[in-house]
Amino acid sequence: MEGLDEFHQSRAVIEDFAANTLGRIPGDVSRLLHVAMLRDLASGRYRHDGLAALYSEPVVDEALRLCHEQLFERLLETSLESQDAEVRKCLQSFDVELNEIAARWKEHEFYKCLIPSGVPIYLRELFCSNFGTVLGLIVEQSVTRRSVA
């Protein structure tokens, strides 16, 4: 019976988080970034103070882990063109020039932090290839524009 209770609590956490947090964030890459930043890279645990006030830590951790995996998979299921648009939308939300943040993320491979733990190697490689390509295009387009101007 305990497993069923945890399932229902986990489902409630996901619904709460999706409605009250993710629903307000525009774009899948921005949502993926938000969820990834809730993970402590040292322990691998997800934390969210608002949800922790309502639900147990293990339930919050599991629910956010599932959200992270679902967002990651959903993004990979879209075309590279859609991923490009999502990456641009996310990067434009920062108070830094698009090409600057793209170059920094590419140089430091920051996008690897967006990958959920335990993802199969082939999905990691696909994600890194796609994200690296998109960031490279953003940087290259910026260089091309400057040289034409």
Protein backbone atom coordinates (compact mmCIF):
# COMPACT_ATOMS: atom_id res chain seq x y z
CA MET A 1 0.00 0.00 0.00
CA GLU A 2 2.93 2.32 0.72
CA GLY A 3 4.04 2.14 -2.92
CA LEU A 4 0.61 3.22 -4.10
CA ASP A 5 0.58 6.15 -1.68
CA GLU A 6 4.01 7.25 -2.93
CA PHE A 7 2.79 6.96 -6.52
CA HIS A 8 -0.21 9.19 -5.78
CA GLN A 9 1.97 11.70 -3.93
CA SER A 10 4.49 11.73 -6.76
CA ARG A 11 1.70 12.31 -9.25
CA ALA A 12 0.35 15.17 -7.10
CA VAL A 13 3.82 16.75 -6.96
CA ILE A 14 4.18 16.54 -10.75
CA GLU A 15 0.75 18.08 -11.30
CA ASP A 16 1.46 20.84 -8.77
CA PHE A 17 4.89 21.58 -10.24
CA ALA A 18 3.67 21.48 -13.84
CA ALA A 19 0.74 23.80 -13.15
CA ASN A 20 2.35 26.27 -10.78
CA THR A 21 5.95 26.41 -11.99
CA LEU A 22 6.58 24.89 -15.41
CA GLY A 23 3.41 26.36 -16.88
CA ARG A 24 4.82 29.84 -16.33
CA ILE A 25 8.13 29.14 -18.07
CA PRO A 26 8.09 29.70 -21.85
CA GLY A 27 9.67 26.91 -23.88
CA ASP A 28 10.91 23.39 -23.30
CA VAL A 29 14.62 24.27 -23.10
CA SER A 30 13.88 26.92 -20.46
CA ARG A 31 11.78 24.39 -18.54
CA LEU A 32 14.53 21.79 -18.86
CA LEU A 33 17.07 24.32 -17.59
CA HIS A 34 14.85 25.18 -14.62
CA VAL A 35 14.38 21.55 -13.57
CA ALA A 36 18.06 20.74 -14.09
CA MET A 37 19.01 23.63 -11.78
CA LEU A 38 16.89 22.06 -9.03
CA ARG A 39 19.27 19.09 -8.99
CA ASP A 40 22.24 19.10 -6.64
CA LEU A 41 25.01 17.82 -8.89
CA ALA A 42 26.99 16.42 -5.96
CA SER A 43 24.19 14.23 -4.58
CA GLY A 44 21.97 13.96 -7.65
CA ARG A 45 18.94 14.88 -5.54
CA TYR A 46 16.32 17.37 -6.63
CA ARG A 47 15.17 20.02 -4.19
CA HIS A 48 12.32 22.52 -4.29
CA ASP A 49 11.51 24.44 -1.12
CA GLY A 50 7.88 25.11 -2.03
CA LEU A 51 7.14 21.48 -2.81
CA ALA A 52 9.15 20.27 0.20
CA ALA A 53 6.80 22.24 2.44
CA LEU A 54 3.90 20.12 1.14
CA TYR A 55 5.45 16.73 0.33
CA SER A 56 8.23 14.51 1.63
CA GLU A 57 11.75 14.97 0.25
CA PRO A 58 11.92 11.53 -1.42
CA VAL A 59 8.60 12.12 -3.18
CA VAL A 60 9.69 15.57 -4.39
CA ASP A 61 13.03 14.15 -5.56
CA GLU A 62 11.37 11.34 -7.52
CA ALA A 63 8.72 13.59 -9.06
CA LEU A 64 11.26 16.19 -10.21
CA ARG A 65 13.50 13.43 -11.56
CA LEU A 66 10.56 12.17 -13.65
CA CYS A 67 9.79 15.70 -14.87
CA HIS A 68 13.43 16.17 -15.86
CA GLU A 69 13.47 12.92 -17.82
CA GLN A 70 10.16 13.69 -19.55
CA LEU A 71 11.24 17.19 -20.59
CA PHE A 72 14.54 15.84 -21.89
CA GLU A 73 12.86 13.10 -23.91
CA ARG A 74 10.19 15.45 -25.26
CA LEU A 75 12.84 17.86 -26.49
CA LEU A 76 14.76 15.09 -28.24
CA GLU A 77 11.57 13.95 -29.97
CA THR A 78 11.29 17.29 -31.78
CA SER A 79 13.04 18.25 -34.99
CA LEU A 80 16.44 19.93 -34.93
CA GLU A 81 14.73 23.04 -36.28
CA SER A 82 12.37 23.08 -33.28
CA GLN A 83 15.27 22.49 -30.90
CA ASP A 84 17.09 25.44 -32.51
CA ALA A 85 14.08 27.70 -31.92
CA GLU A 86 13.76 26.48 -28.30
CA VAL A 87 17.46 27.05 -27.56
CA ARG A 88 17.29 30.56 -29.01
CA LYS A 89 14.17 31.36 -26.99
CA CYS A 90 15.88 30.19 -23.81
CA LEU A 91 19.13 32.05 -24.43
CA GLN A 92 17.32 35.26 -25.36
CA SER A 93 15.77 35.31 -21.88
CA PHE A 94 19.20 36.08 -20.38
CA ASP A 95 20.49 39.61 -20.07
CA VAL A 96 23.47 38.82 -22.31
CA GLU A 97 23.93 38.96 -26.08
CA LEU A 98 22.69 35.76 -27.72
CA ASN A 99 26.01 34.99 -29.42
CA GLU A 100 27.98 35.59 -26.19
CA ILE A 101 25.96 33.17 -24.10
CA ALA A 102 25.90 30.62 -26.95
CA ALA A 103 29.71 30.80 -27.21
CA ARG A 104 30.09 30.43 -23.44
CA TRP A 105 27.69 27.48 -23.23
CA LYS A 106 29.45 25.81 -26.15
CA GLU A 107 32.96 26.42 -24.79
CA HIS A 108 32.13 25.09 -21.33
CA GLU A 109 29.64 22.48 -22.59
CA PHE A 110 27.18 23.81 -20.05
CA TYR A 111 24.34 22.02 -21.83
CA LYS A 112 25.63 18.72 -20.41
CA CYS A 113 24.20 19.83 -17.04
CA LEU A 114 20.76 19.67 -18.65
CA ILE A 115 21.00 15.90 -19.14
CA PRO A 116 19.20 13.83 -16.50
CA SER A 117 21.24 11.21 -14.66
CA GLY A 118 21.07 7.67 -15.98
CA VAL A 119 20.27 8.60 -19.58
CA PRO A 120 21.55 6.04 -22.10
CA ILE A 121 24.79 7.04 -23.86
CA TYR A 122 23.18 7.26 -27.29
CA LEU A 123 20.62 9.82 -26.04
CA ARG A 124 23.38 11.81 -24.29
CA GLU A 125 25.38 11.87 -27.51
CA LEU A 126 22.35 12.88 -29.59
CA PHE A 127 21.48 15.69 -27.18
CA CYS A 128 25.08 16.96 -27.04
CA SER A 129 25.42 16.79 -30.81
CA ASN A 130 22.16 18.67 -31.37
CA PHE A 131 22.81 21.29 -28.69
CA GLY A 132 26.42 21.80 -29.79
CA THR A 133 25.32 22.19 -33.41
CA VAL A 134 22.65 24.76 -32.53
CA LEU A 135 25.05 26.76 -30.36
CA GLY A 136 27.67 26.63 -33.11
CA LEU A 137 25.16 27.95 -35.64
CA ILE A 138 24.21 30.83 -33.35
CA VAL A 139 27.86 31.80 -32.89
CA GLU A 140 28.64 31.36 -36.59
CA GLN A 141 25.66 33.49 -37.67
CA SER A 142 26.84 36.25 -35.38
CA VAL A 143 30.36 36.17 -36.85
CA THR A 144 28.93 36.15 -40.38
CA ARG A 145 26.72 39.17 -39.63
CA ARG A 146 29.66 41.14 -38.20
CA SER A 147 31.88 40.39 -41.20
CA VAL A 148 29.13 41.42 -43.67
CA ALA A 149 28.42 44.68 -41.81
